Amino acid sequence: MATTRPNGSLYTKTEGNIAIVEFGHPAGNSFPRELLERLEKEFYILSEREDIRVIVLKSEGEKAFCAGASFDELVEIADADRGKKFFSGFAGVINAMRKCSKLIVGRVQGKAVGGGVGLAAACDYVLATEAAAIKLSEFTIGIGPFVIAPAVERKMGNAALAELTLAPDQWKNAYWAKEKGLYARVFDRIGELDKEIDVFTEKLASYNPEALSEMKRILWEGTSHWDELLGSRAEISGNLVLSEFTRKALEKFKK
């Protein structure tokens, strides 16, 4: 059952050596800052647990995977400091996923927008359904996907990042995302997706945990500067959201 909590929900359940982290929010599984902070902390906690070898990241329901950051909080930003803090939410989660010693498998059952695409890109391996179209719509409100761009570029390449960013009103389907490297495999139905998630993660968790941890480290080589990088990107977004262009665009969306 989908959550009705205004700040969203976050639950972790353990099956053997696999931790399943599920987030939810009534507004398209979007993220208010409080929920992002909870998710960030959860990755750090799971990273230290010796009994966990693999993490599955998923969202509630059968529709959207993640609609990005909370629109309600975005429109309330009144100064640059609050703006940087708001955009630092996804920066914190992506960095926590990057530093996590466990491999993270993403389950993307539906559409992903903005920060939702960043979350998928920060997973080490992603399985998705045909419904898992993606879009980076930030330009339409006068900002850009600056915080998540390094994760998207690392996974999909600079050309795909440009194609998504510069056509912010266009959805790219799941097969396009697979072709570009965001998804490893795409399934017709959620039932098929979940069966494969179970089989794949059980197999992955049966391998040498030291080898899994070393592979995680290798996959993320060259990203040690991301704490500073994503922080500076959050500052760019925090300033842009105060621009006259963005304030007018947000007013239109509110109406």
Protein backbone atom coordinates (compact mmCIF):
# COMPACT_ATOMS: atom_id res chain seq x y z
CA MET A 1 0.00 0.00 0.00
CA ALA A 2 1.42 3.42 -1.00
CA THR A 3 2.35 5.82 1.76
CA THR A 4 0.24 8.89 2.49
CA ARG A 5 2.86 10.49 4.75
CA PRO A 6 3.72 14.05 3.61
CA ASN A 7 7.43 13.46 4.30
CA GLY A 8 7.36 10.06 2.61
CA SER A 9 8.45 6.66 3.89
CA LEU A 10 11.61 4.58 3.94
CA TYR A 11 11.74 0.93 4.90
CA THR A 12 14.57 -1.60 4.84
CA LYS A 13 14.01 -5.32 5.06
CA THR A 14 16.65 -8.02 5.02
CA GLU A 15 16.46 -11.30 3.16
CA GLY A 16 19.57 -13.34 3.89
CA ASN A 17 22.55 -11.22 2.81
CA ILE A 18 20.38 -8.84 0.78
CA ALA A 19 18.97 -5.54 2.08
CA ILE A 20 15.91 -4.18 0.25
CA VAL A 21 15.51 -0.43 0.67
CA GLU A 22 12.11 0.90 -0.37
CA PHE A 23 11.18 4.58 -0.49
CA GLY A 24 7.79 6.12 -1.14
CA HIS A 25 6.00 9.45 -1.36
CA PRO A 26 2.41 10.28 -2.39
CA ALA A 27 3.69 12.75 -5.03
CA GLY A 28 5.15 10.30 -7.56
CA ASN A 29 7.72 8.93 -5.11
CA SER A 30 9.43 12.32 -5.06
CA PHE A 31 11.89 13.32 -2.35
CA PRO A 32 11.49 16.02 0.27
CA ARG A 33 14.82 16.86 1.91
CA GLU A 34 14.02 14.89 5.08
CA LEU A 35 13.52 11.69 3.07
CA LEU A 36 16.76 12.23 1.14
CA GLU A 37 18.63 12.62 4.44
CA ARG A 38 17.11 9.39 5.73
CA LEU A 39 18.11 7.52 2.57
CA GLU A 40 21.65 8.91 2.73
CA LYS A 41 22.03 7.71 6.34
CA GLU A 42 20.61 4.30 5.45
CA PHE A 43 23.29 3.69 2.81
CA TYR A 44 26.02 4.53 5.32
CA ILE A 45 24.48 2.17 7.90
CA LEU A 46 24.16 -0.69 5.41
CA SER A 47 27.70 -0.09 4.18
CA GLU A 48 28.99 -1.03 7.65
CA ARG A 49 26.86 -4.14 8.14
CA GLU A 50 28.94 -7.29 7.67
CA ASP A 51 25.87 -9.46 7.09
CA ILE A 52 24.82 -7.45 4.02
CA ARG A 53 26.43 -8.10 0.64
CA VAL A 54 23.96 -6.57 -1.81
CA ILE A 55 21.44 -3.72 -1.61
CA VAL A 56 18.29 -3.41 -3.72
CA LEU A 57 16.90 0.10 -4.14
CA LYS A 58 13.23 0.29 -5.10
CA SER A 59 10.19 2.55 -4.77
CA GLU A 60 6.58 1.97 -3.81
CA GLY A 61 3.76 1.14 -6.16
CA GLU A 62 3.57 0.25 -9.82
CA LYS A 63 3.71 3.70 -11.39
CA ALA A 64 6.53 6.25 -11.09
CA PHE A 65 9.95 5.15 -9.87
CA CYS A 66 10.87 8.65 -8.77
CA ALA A 67 9.67 12.13 -9.73
CA GLY A 68 12.82 13.78 -8.39
CA ALA A 69 13.00 16.42 -5.67
CA SER A 70 9.93 17.77 -3.89
CA PHE A 71 8.26 20.50 -5.94
CA ASP A 72 6.55 21.89 -2.83
CA GLU A 73 9.92 22.48 -1.15
CA LEU A 74 11.45 23.85 -4.35
CA VAL A 75 8.92 26.67 -4.62
CA GLU A 76 9.52 27.64 -0.97
CA ILE A 77 13.26 28.37 -1.42
CA ALA A 78 13.80 32.01 -0.46
CA ASP A 79 17.59 32.45 -0.26
CA ALA A 80 20.82 30.97 -1.63
CA ASP A 81 21.69 29.09 1.56
CA ARG A 82 18.35 27.27 1.61
CA GLY A 83 18.73 26.65 -2.10
CA LYS A 84 22.13 24.98 -1.68
CA LYS A 85 20.80 22.85 1.19
CA PHE A 86 17.84 21.75 -0.90
CA PHE A 87 19.97 20.66 -3.86
CA SER A 88 22.55 19.10 -1.54
CA GLY A 89 19.95 16.43 -0.73
CA PHE A 90 20.54 14.41 -3.89
CA ALA A 91 24.27 15.20 -3.68
CA GLY A 92 24.37 13.52 -0.28
CA VAL A 93 22.50 10.44 -1.47
CA ILE A 94 24.62 10.00 -4.61
CA ASN A 95 27.82 10.33 -2.60
CA ALA A 96 26.52 7.84 -0.03
CA MET A 97 25.74 5.37 -2.82
CA ARG A 98 29.19 5.95 -4.32
CA LYS A 99 30.98 5.36 -1.02
CA CYS A 100 28.80 2.44 0.07
CA SER A 101 30.89 -0.74 0.27
CA LYS A 102 27.98 -2.84 -1.04
CA LEU A 103 26.88 -3.19 -4.64
CA ILE A 104 23.53 -1.46 -5.22
CA VAL A 105 21.00 -2.95 -7.63
CA GLY A 106 18.26 -0.60 -8.81
CA ARG A 107 14.70 -1.77 -9.47
CA VAL A 108 13.11 0.81 -11.77
CA GLN A 109 9.47 -0.12 -12.38
CA GLY A 110 8.26 3.18 -13.82
CA LYS A 111 9.14 6.66 -14.99
CA ALA A 112 12.12 8.55 -13.57
CA VAL A 113 12.48 12.33 -13.75
CA GLY A 114 15.37 14.58 -12.74
CA GLY A 115 16.83 13.32 -9.48
CA GLY A 116 15.15 9.97 -10.10
CA VAL A 117 17.40 9.52 -13.14
CA GLY A 118 20.34 10.45 -10.94
CA LEU A 119 19.37 7.77 -8.42
CA ALA A 120 19.22 5.12 -11.14
CA ALA A 121 22.57 6.27 -12.51
CA ALA A 122 24.18 6.00 -9.07
CA CYS A 123 23.16 2.33 -8.79
CA ASP A 124 25.80 -0.21 -9.81
CA TYR A 125 23.36 -2.31 -11.86
CA VAL A 126 19.78 -1.53 -12.85
CA LEU A 127 16.89 -3.74 -13.96
CA ALA A 128 13.83 -1.95 -15.34
CA THR A 129 10.47 -2.39 -17.06
CA GLU A 130 9.27 -1.05 -20.40
CA ALA A 131 7.43 1.66 -18.47
CA ALA A 132 10.70 3.10 -17.11
CA ALA A 133 11.03 6.10 -19.41
CA ILE A 134 13.35 8.91 -18.32
CA LYS A 135 13.46 12.70 -18.60
CA LEU A 136 15.64 15.55 -17.32
CA SER A 137 13.16 18.43 -17.26
CA GLU A 138 15.19 20.96 -15.25
CA PHE A 139 15.72 23.46 -18.09
CA THR A 140 11.96 24.01 -18.31
CA ILE A 141 12.03 25.78 -14.95
CA GLY A 142 15.31 27.63 -15.46
CA ILE A 143 17.68 25.32 -13.58
CA GLY A 144 19.73 22.33 -14.75
CA PRO A 145 20.54 18.77 -13.64
CA PHE A 146 23.90 19.94 -12.32
CA VAL A 147 24.07 17.80 -9.16
CA ILE A 148 23.13 14.54 -10.87
CA ALA A 149 25.03 15.24 -14.10
CA PRO A 150 28.28 13.55 -12.98
CA ALA A 151 26.40 10.33 -12.14
CA VAL A 152 24.44 10.39 -15.41
CA GLU A 153 27.55 11.15 -17.47
CA ARG A 154 29.56 8.43 -15.74
CA LYS A 155 26.92 5.83 -16.57
CA MET A 156 25.58 7.03 -19.95
CA GLY A 157 28.24 9.31 -21.44
CA ASN A 158 28.40 13.00 -22.25
CA ALA A 159 26.35 12.73 -25.45
CA ALA A 160 23.41 11.08 -23.67
CA LEU A 161 23.60 13.65 -20.87
CA ALA A 162 23.40 16.42 -23.47
CA GLU A 163 20.52 14.73 -25.31
CA LEU A 164 18.51 14.43 -22.11
CA THR A 165 19.33 17.89 -20.77
CA LEU A 166 18.89 19.92 -23.93
CA ALA A 167 15.53 18.36 -24.81
CA PRO A 168 13.94 18.69 -21.37
CA ASP A 169 10.37 18.18 -22.61
CA GLN A 170 11.09 14.82 -24.26
CA TRP A 171 10.75 11.39 -22.68
CA LYS A 172 13.34 8.77 -23.64
CA ASN A 173 12.01 5.22 -23.47
CA ALA A 174 13.47 2.38 -21.43
CA TYR A 175 15.15 0.77 -24.44
CA TRP A 176 16.96 4.02 -25.25
CA ALA A 177 18.12 4.14 -21.62
CA LYS A 178 19.33 0.53 -21.90
CA GLU A 179 21.18 1.27 -25.13
CA LYS A 180 22.95 4.17 -23.42
CA GLY A 181 23.95 2.05 -20.41
CA LEU A 182 21.57 3.25 -17.69
CA TYR A 183 19.69 -0.05 -17.57
CA ALA A 184 21.28 -3.49 -17.84
CA ARG A 185 18.04 -5.23 -18.80
CA VAL A 186 14.43 -4.26 -19.54
CA PHE A 187 11.39 -6.48 -18.86
CA ASP A 188 7.82 -6.41 -20.18
CA ARG A 189 6.13 -6.59 -16.78
CA ILE A 190 6.83 -5.86 -13.13
CA GLY A 191 6.30 -9.53 -12.24
CA GLU A 192 9.10 -10.55 -14.61
CA LEU A 193 11.30 -7.77 -13.24
CA ASP A 194 10.81 -8.92 -9.65
CA LYS A 195 11.53 -12.57 -10.46
CA GLU A 196 14.81 -11.59 -12.09
CA ILE A 197 15.71 -9.22 -9.24
CA ASP A 198 15.34 -12.15 -6.82
CA VAL A 199 17.41 -14.54 -8.94
CA PHE A 200 20.09 -12.00 -9.83
CA THR A 201 20.64 -10.60 -6.32
CA GLU A 202 20.64 -14.05 -4.70
CA LYS A 203 23.34 -15.14 -7.14
CA LEU A 204 25.31 -11.93 -6.62
CA ALA A 205 25.13 -12.26 -2.84
CA SER A 206 26.57 -15.80 -3.07
CA TYR A 207 29.90 -14.53 -4.40
CA ASN A 208 32.99 -13.72 -2.31
CA PRO A 209 32.08 -10.56 -0.31
CA GLU A 210 35.65 -9.31 -0.53
CA ALA A 211 35.56 -9.59 -4.32
CA LEU A 212 32.21 -7.76 -4.41
CA SER A 213 33.61 -4.94 -2.27
CA GLU A 214 36.74 -4.63 -4.42
CA MET A 215 34.63 -4.50 -7.57
CA LYS A 216 32.50 -1.76 -6.07
CA ARG A 217 35.63 0.27 -5.37
CA ILE A 218 36.94 -0.26 -8.92
CA LEU A 219 33.62 0.72 -10.51
CA TRP A 220 33.81 4.10 -8.79
CA GLU A 221 37.51 4.86 -9.36
CA GLY A 222 38.17 8.47 -10.26
CA THR A 223 35.24 9.90 -8.30
CA SER A 224 36.94 10.73 -4.99
CA HIS A 225 36.48 14.46 -5.71
CA TRP A 226 32.70 14.16 -5.90
CA ASP A 227 32.05 15.41 -2.35
CA GLU A 228 33.41 18.79 -3.39
CA LEU A 229 32.10 18.61 -6.98
CA LEU A 230 28.47 17.82 -6.11
CA GLY A 231 28.54 20.43 -3.34
CA SER A 232 29.62 23.12 -5.80
CA ARG A 233 26.94 21.96 -8.25
CA ALA A 234 24.31 22.27 -5.51
CA GLU A 235 25.44 25.85 -4.99
CA ILE A 236 24.96 26.62 -8.71
CA SER A 237 21.42 25.24 -8.61
CA GLY A 238 20.69 27.02 -5.35
CA ASN A 239 21.55 30.36 -6.93
CA LEU A 240 19.71 29.69 -10.20
CA VAL A 241 16.47 28.78 -8.44
CA LEU A 242 16.34 32.37 -7.16
CA SER A 243 16.56 33.85 -10.66
CA GLU A 244 13.64 35.81 -12.06
CA PHE A 245 13.26 33.28 -14.88
CA THR A 246 12.88 30.39 -12.45
CA ARG A 247 10.55 32.24 -10.07
CA LYS A 248 8.21 33.01 -12.99
CA ALA A 249 8.41 29.45 -14.30
CA LEU A 250 7.61 28.02 -10.88
CA GLU A 251 4.64 30.35 -10.50
CA LYS A 252 3.20 28.97 -13.75
CA PHE A 253 3.62 25.41 -12.49
CA LYS A 254 1.96 26.30 -9.17
CA LYS A 255 -1.08 27.64 -11.04
